[in-house]
Amino acid sequence: MIVPPLQLTPGRSLDGARKGGVLSAQMPENSSHILSPEEIERYRRHLVLKEVGGQGQQKLKAARVLIVGAGGLGSPLLMYLAAAGVGTLGIIDDDGVSRDNLQRQIVHGTAAIGLPKVESARDAVGRLNPNVTVEAIEARLEAGNALELISRYDVIADGSDNAETRYLVSDACYFARRPLVFGAVGPFDGYVSTFKPYANTEDGTPYPSYRCLFPEAPPPGLVPNCAEVGVLGSVVGVIGTLQATEVLKEIVGAGTSLAGRLLIYDGLSARFETLTIAWDPENPLTGRNPTIKDLSIHAGARGAGPACAA
């Protein structure tokens, strides 16, 4: 028998009791997300996992995840979250598919060149799993729409390619009290973390925010553009897939969250390293004397181009 599902609505986050550093939530009596026979067959290898099972699969079906960017990081995020049975995927991107995207942005095919990325990504998800609802948002995430959009979803995955958008997403997730799964790439390396600065650790201090890790955006031109220095496509896939795993963990409450930690991948040496991120009491968003009280600091920002064109 399939147990009653977790009801995740646009107005409710995944906040809940923490057990052993892992987010958990109570399952309501509502049965609107009971799995169909087709879904039971489709997700059979999830159902036999004790960390997922029927209850976890129904949490996935009930969940709403927003993916910022339908590019290199967004591609594996979209495909693995859709394959896993996340019920609603929001995709926001204002760009179109170009031929030089195809080396790493595997959600798009040659026939999609010239189409809006959100349209191409929506079609790819539909072919993979018709049980998933896709909300395609052909727009740029800006100060005027970020909080309202992010508040509609339960978990946010950032696959953006510029510092301005990353700070905006992080700040908006803090104000909306939504967990943020962050990813970034270089030519042969990448980084993944989860940010929940609205919540406290076991010792009562806040979890770190993106601004604790990177207090300020680098000056324009300091971070090399991957369009110029290059990027190995499969490295982008590694980081996006790790992000997808962390999103799924957040939804079902499995394992240990990356909140408070930064996972670093070095593709050339085939090595992973994990660093601890500490809360910075001086950071302007979540410090003792915050100066960022809303998203107005981002008003008018259009970005200085991609730090790495993922």
Protein backbone atom coordinates (compact mmCIF):
# COMPACT_ATOMS: atom_id res chain seq x y z
CA MET A 1 0.00 0.00 0.00
CA ILE A 2 1.25 3.49 -0.86
CA VAL A 3 1.26 5.83 2.14
CA PRO A 4 -0.36 9.30 2.05
CA PRO A 5 1.78 11.96 0.38
CA LEU A 6 3.45 15.11 1.56
CA GLN A 7 1.39 18.08 0.42
CA LEU A 8 3.78 20.74 -0.89
CA THR A 9 2.04 23.86 -2.11
CA PRO A 10 3.47 27.02 -3.67
CA GLY A 11 2.95 28.85 -0.41
CA ARG A 12 4.71 26.32 1.78
CA SER A 13 8.37 25.49 2.05
CA LEU A 14 10.05 22.27 3.06
CA ASP A 15 10.86 23.67 6.49
CA GLY A 16 10.37 21.02 9.14
CA ALA A 17 12.03 19.25 12.00
CA ARG A 18 15.67 18.42 11.45
CA LYS A 19 16.89 14.96 12.38
CA GLY A 20 20.61 14.32 12.23
CA GLY A 21 21.10 17.35 10.00
CA VAL A 22 18.49 16.15 7.50
CA LEU A 23 15.24 17.90 6.74
CA SER A 24 12.12 15.87 7.50
CA ALA A 25 8.44 16.64 7.17
CA GLN A 26 5.14 15.18 8.30
CA MET A 27 2.96 13.41 5.77
CA PRO A 28 -0.62 14.77 5.65
CA GLU A 29 -3.73 12.69 5.28
CA ASN A 30 -4.42 14.05 1.79
CA SER A 31 -4.06 11.28 -0.81
CA SER A 32 -4.03 13.37 -4.00
CA HIS A 33 -0.49 12.25 -4.85
CA ILE A 34 -0.96 8.49 -4.63
CA LEU A 35 1.15 6.79 -7.29
CA SER A 36 -0.56 5.25 -10.29
CA PRO A 37 0.27 1.69 -11.40
CA GLU A 38 2.33 3.16 -14.26
CA GLU A 39 4.29 5.30 -11.83
CA ILE A 40 4.87 2.38 -9.48
CA GLU A 41 6.46 0.51 -12.38
CA ARG A 42 8.40 3.57 -13.58
CA TYR A 43 9.89 4.34 -10.17
CA ARG A 44 10.37 0.77 -8.97
CA ARG A 45 14.06 1.21 -8.25
CA HIS A 46 13.26 4.19 -6.06
CA LEU A 47 10.53 2.33 -4.21
CA VAL A 48 12.90 -0.40 -3.07
CA LEU A 49 15.31 2.15 -1.58
CA LYS A 50 14.67 2.44 2.15
CA GLU A 51 15.70 6.12 1.97
CA VAL A 52 12.96 6.81 -0.61
CA GLY A 53 10.23 4.16 -0.71
CA GLY A 54 6.60 4.90 -1.44
CA GLN A 55 6.42 7.83 0.94
CA GLY A 56 9.50 9.48 -0.51
CA GLN A 57 8.29 8.97 -4.07
CA GLN A 58 5.04 10.69 -3.21
CA LYS A 59 7.00 13.59 -1.74
CA LEU A 60 8.78 13.84 -5.07
CA LYS A 61 5.47 13.78 -6.94
CA ALA A 62 4.11 16.55 -4.70
CA ALA A 63 7.22 18.73 -4.91
CA ARG A 64 7.70 21.91 -6.93
CA VAL A 65 11.27 22.75 -7.98
CA LEU A 66 12.41 25.87 -9.82
CA ILE A 67 15.50 25.60 -12.01
CA VAL A 68 17.17 28.90 -12.83
CA GLY A 69 18.75 28.52 -16.25
CA ALA A 70 18.12 25.86 -18.91
CA GLY A 71 21.76 25.54 -19.91
CA GLY A 72 24.64 23.24 -19.00
CA LEU A 73 23.80 22.88 -15.31
CA GLY A 74 20.07 23.11 -15.91
CA SER A 75 20.18 20.25 -18.43
CA PRO A 76 21.10 17.36 -16.08
CA LEU A 77 19.05 19.00 -13.33
CA LEU A 78 15.96 18.95 -15.51
CA MET A 79 16.46 15.47 -16.87
CA TYR A 80 17.27 13.73 -13.59
CA LEU A 81 14.59 15.54 -11.59
CA ALA A 82 12.03 14.73 -14.27
CA ALA A 83 13.17 11.11 -14.46
CA ALA A 84 12.96 10.90 -10.65
CA GLY A 85 9.32 11.98 -10.71
CA VAL A 86 9.42 15.50 -9.29
CA GLY A 87 5.84 16.56 -9.93
CA THR A 88 6.33 20.15 -11.08
CA LEU A 89 9.45 21.67 -12.61
CA GLY A 90 9.67 25.39 -13.21
CA ILE A 91 12.24 26.52 -15.78
CA ILE A 92 13.21 30.18 -16.11
CA ASP A 93 15.50 31.35 -18.91
CA ASP A 94 15.29 34.15 -21.47
CA ASP A 95 17.84 32.78 -23.95
CA GLY A 96 17.53 30.76 -27.13
CA VAL A 97 19.31 27.56 -28.18
CA SER A 98 22.45 28.10 -30.27
CA ARG A 99 24.75 25.61 -31.92
CA ASP A 100 27.60 26.25 -29.49
CA ASN A 101 25.31 25.30 -26.59
CA LEU A 102 25.03 21.69 -27.73
CA GLN A 103 28.50 20.62 -26.56
CA ARG A 104 27.29 20.69 -22.93
CA GLN A 105 23.59 21.63 -22.80
CA ILE A 106 22.32 18.11 -23.39
CA VAL A 107 18.64 18.86 -22.81
CA HIS A 108 18.67 20.56 -26.24
CA GLY A 109 19.12 18.91 -29.63
CA THR A 110 20.25 20.18 -33.01
CA ALA A 111 16.64 20.55 -34.16
CA ALA A 112 16.03 22.99 -31.30
CA ILE A 113 18.54 25.59 -32.52
CA GLY A 114 16.78 28.95 -32.56
CA LEU A 115 14.01 27.92 -30.16
CA PRO A 116 13.64 29.42 -26.69
CA LYS A 117 15.54 27.24 -24.25
CA VAL A 118 12.52 26.88 -21.97
CA GLU A 119 10.46 25.58 -24.89
CA SER A 120 13.13 23.09 -25.92
CA ALA A 121 13.60 21.95 -22.31
CA ARG A 122 9.87 21.57 -21.77
CA ASP A 123 9.60 19.34 -24.84
CA ALA A 124 12.55 17.20 -23.68
CA VAL A 125 11.03 16.70 -20.23
CA GLY A 126 7.69 15.79 -21.81
CA ARG A 127 9.33 13.08 -23.89
CA LEU A 128 11.13 11.70 -20.85
CA ASN A 129 8.30 11.69 -18.30
CA PRO A 130 4.75 12.76 -19.18
CA ASN A 131 3.82 12.63 -15.48
CA VAL A 132 5.82 15.81 -14.82
CA THR A 133 4.24 19.24 -15.15
CA VAL A 134 6.60 21.83 -16.66
CA GLU A 135 6.13 25.53 -16.03
CA ALA A 136 8.21 27.21 -18.75
CA ILE A 137 9.00 30.84 -17.89
CA GLU A 138 10.66 32.65 -20.79
CA ALA A 139 11.94 35.62 -18.81
CA ARG A 140 14.96 36.95 -17.00
CA LEU A 141 14.99 36.63 -13.24
CA GLU A 142 15.10 40.19 -11.91
CA ALA A 143 14.55 42.08 -8.67
CA GLY A 144 10.96 42.79 -9.63
CA ASN A 145 9.91 39.17 -10.18
CA ALA A 146 12.39 37.01 -8.21
CA LEU A 147 10.65 36.87 -4.85
CA GLU A 148 7.22 36.17 -6.28
CA LEU A 149 8.52 33.46 -8.62
CA ILE A 150 10.74 31.75 -6.07
CA SER A 151 7.96 31.73 -3.47
CA ARG A 152 5.89 29.49 -5.76
CA TYR A 153 8.35 26.60 -5.37
CA ASP A 154 9.64 24.37 -2.59
CA VAL A 155 13.30 24.03 -3.63
CA ILE A 156 15.37 26.25 -5.94
CA ALA A 157 18.29 24.99 -8.06
CA ASP A 158 20.59 27.67 -9.44
CA GLY A 159 22.08 26.89 -12.84
CA SER A 160 22.73 30.51 -13.79
CA ASP A 161 25.95 31.65 -15.43
CA ASN A 162 26.65 35.08 -13.92
CA ALA A 163 27.38 36.51 -10.49
CA GLU A 164 24.55 39.04 -10.51
CA THR A 165 21.90 36.36 -10.93
CA ARG A 166 23.52 34.13 -8.30
CA TYR A 167 23.38 36.88 -5.67
CA LEU A 168 19.81 37.71 -6.63
CA VAL A 169 18.69 34.08 -6.40
CA SER A 170 20.45 33.62 -3.08
CA ASP A 171 18.98 36.76 -1.52
CA ALA A 172 15.48 35.97 -2.81
CA CYS A 173 15.68 32.41 -1.44
CA TYR A 174 16.58 33.82 1.97
CA PHE A 175 13.61 36.17 2.03
CA ALA A 176 11.29 33.44 0.70
CA ARG A 177 12.74 30.86 3.13
CA ARG A 178 13.46 28.37 0.37
CA PRO A 179 16.44 25.99 0.24
CA LEU A 180 18.85 26.82 -2.56
CA VAL A 181 21.03 24.21 -4.27
CA PHE A 182 23.89 26.09 -5.88
CA GLY A 183 26.28 24.97 -8.60
CA ALA A 184 29.06 26.63 -10.59
CA VAL A 185 31.71 25.41 -13.01
CA GLY A 186 35.12 26.28 -14.40
CA PRO A 187 36.94 24.71 -17.35
CA PHE A 188 37.70 21.45 -15.47
CA ASP A 189 36.24 22.05 -12.01
CA GLY A 190 32.99 22.73 -10.23
CA TYR A 191 31.32 23.57 -6.93
CA VAL A 192 28.10 22.53 -5.23
CA SER A 193 26.46 23.60 -1.98
CA THR A 194 23.06 23.98 -0.36
CA PHE A 195 22.10 27.22 1.36
CA LYS A 196 19.48 27.51 4.13
CA PRO A 197 20.44 30.73 5.93
CA TYR A 198 16.90 31.14 7.28
CA ALA A 199 17.46 28.05 9.48
CA ASN A 200 19.79 27.44 12.42
CA THR A 201 22.36 24.73 13.05
CA GLU A 202 22.19 22.51 16.11
CA ASP A 203 24.23 25.02 18.12
CA GLY A 204 21.78 27.81 17.30
CA THR A 205 23.87 29.76 14.78
CA PRO A 206 22.43 30.40 11.33
CA TYR A 207 23.44 28.26 8.41
CA PRO A 208 25.73 30.21 6.07
CA SER A 209 24.42 32.06 3.05
CA TYR A 210 25.97 32.48 -0.38
CA ARG A 211 27.24 35.84 0.87
CA CYS A 212 29.13 34.10 3.67
CA LEU A 213 31.06 32.19 1.02
CA PHE A 214 31.38 35.06 -1.47
CA PRO A 215 30.82 38.38 0.35
CA GLU A 216 30.93 40.45 -2.84
CA ALA A 217 30.68 39.84 -6.55
CA PRO A 218 34.06 39.94 -8.33
CA PRO A 219 34.75 43.00 -10.48
CA PRO A 220 33.69 42.60 -14.12
CA GLY A 221 36.38 40.84 -16.13
CA LEU A 222 38.14 39.29 -13.15
CA VAL A 223 36.53 35.86 -13.58
CA PRO A 224 37.36 34.46 -17.03
CA ASN A 225 34.52 33.78 -19.42
CA CYS A 226 34.29 30.11 -20.41
CA ALA A 227 33.39 31.19 -23.93
CA GLU A 228 37.00 32.36 -24.08
CA VAL A 229 38.86 29.82 -21.91
CA GLY A 230 36.61 26.84 -22.66
CA VAL A 231 34.83 24.27 -20.51
CA LEU A 232 34.74 20.47 -20.72
CA GLY A 233 31.10 19.61 -21.31
CA SER A 234 31.08 16.50 -19.14
CA VAL A 235 32.33 18.51 -16.13
CA VAL A 236 29.20 20.64 -16.36
CA GLY A 237 27.22 17.40 -16.39
CA VAL A 238 28.95 16.16 -13.22
CA ILE A 239 28.07 19.33 -11.30
CA GLY A 240 24.49 19.50 -12.56
CA THR A 241 23.95 15.85 -11.64
CA LEU A 242 25.33 16.48 -8.14
CA GLN A 243 22.90 19.37 -7.82
CA ALA A 244 20.02 17.11 -8.84
CA THR A 245 21.04 14.60 -6.16
CA GLU A 246 21.06 17.31 -3.49
CA VAL A 247 17.62 18.54 -4.58
CA LEU A 248 16.22 15.01 -4.32
CA LYS A 249 17.79 14.58 -0.88
CA GLU A 250 16.18 17.80 0.30
CA ILE A 251 12.75 16.65 -0.86
CA VAL A 252 12.79 13.14 0.57
CA GLY A 253 14.92 13.95 3.64
CA ALA A 254 17.66 11.45 2.84
CA GLY A 255 21.28 11.56 3.97
CA THR A 256 23.12 14.66 5.13
CA SER A 257 22.46 18.02 3.52
CA LEU A 258 25.29 20.04 1.99
CA ALA A 259 24.09 23.03 4.02
CA GLY A 260 27.19 24.50 5.66
CA ARG A 261 29.55 22.66 3.31
CA LEU A 262 31.04 23.26 -0.15
CA LEU A 263 31.73 20.28 -2.40
CA ILE A 264 34.59 20.90 -4.83
CA TYR A 265 35.24 18.74 -7.89
CA ASP A 266 38.58 18.76 -9.73
CA GLY A 267 38.09 16.95 -13.01
CA LEU A 268 41.75 16.93 -14.02
CA SER A 269 42.86 15.12 -10.87
CA ALA A 270 39.59 13.17 -10.47
CA ARG A 271 39.28 14.39 -6.89
CA PHE A 272 36.48 15.60 -4.64
CA GLU A 273 37.00 17.76 -1.56
CA THR A 274 34.51 19.09 0.98
CA LEU A 275 35.08 22.32 2.88
CA THR A 276 33.11 23.67 5.83
CA ILE A 277 31.43 27.05 5.33
CA ALA A 278 30.94 29.14 8.45
CA TRP A 279 28.26 31.74 9.06
CA ASP A 280 29.76 35.20 8.72
CA PRO A 281 28.22 37.46 11.41
CA GLU A 282 29.36 40.47 9.36
CA ASN A 283 27.70 39.49 6.09
CA PRO A 284 25.18 42.09 4.88
CA LEU A 285 22.23 39.71 4.43
CA THR A 286 22.09 37.44 7.48
CA GLY A 287 24.72 38.95 9.77
CA ARG A 288 24.13 40.55 13.15
CA ASN A 289 23.52 43.96 11.56
CA PRO A 290 22.10 43.23 8.10
CA THR A 291 21.97 46.05 5.58
CA ILE A 292 20.13 44.13 2.85
CA LYS A 293 16.47 44.21 3.84
CA ASP A 294 14.87 43.49 0.46
CA LEU A 295 15.81 42.95 -3.20
CA SER A 296 16.06 46.63 -4.09
CA ILE A 297 19.86 46.31 -4.14
CA HIS A 298 19.41 44.28 -7.34
CA ALA A 299 17.07 46.72 -9.11
CA GLY A 300 18.32 47.62 -12.57
CA ALA A 301 21.12 45.04 -12.57
CA ARG A 302 21.43 43.32 -15.93
CA GLY A 303 24.65 41.41 -15.34
CA ALA A 304 28.06 41.79 -16.88
CA GLY A 305 27.85 38.64 -18.95
CA PRO A 306 28.48 35.04 -17.98
CA ALA A 307 31.28 34.11 -15.62
CA CYS A 308 31.15 30.72 -17.27
CA ALA A 309 28.67 30.11 -20.04
CA ALA A 310 27.27 26.91 -18.60
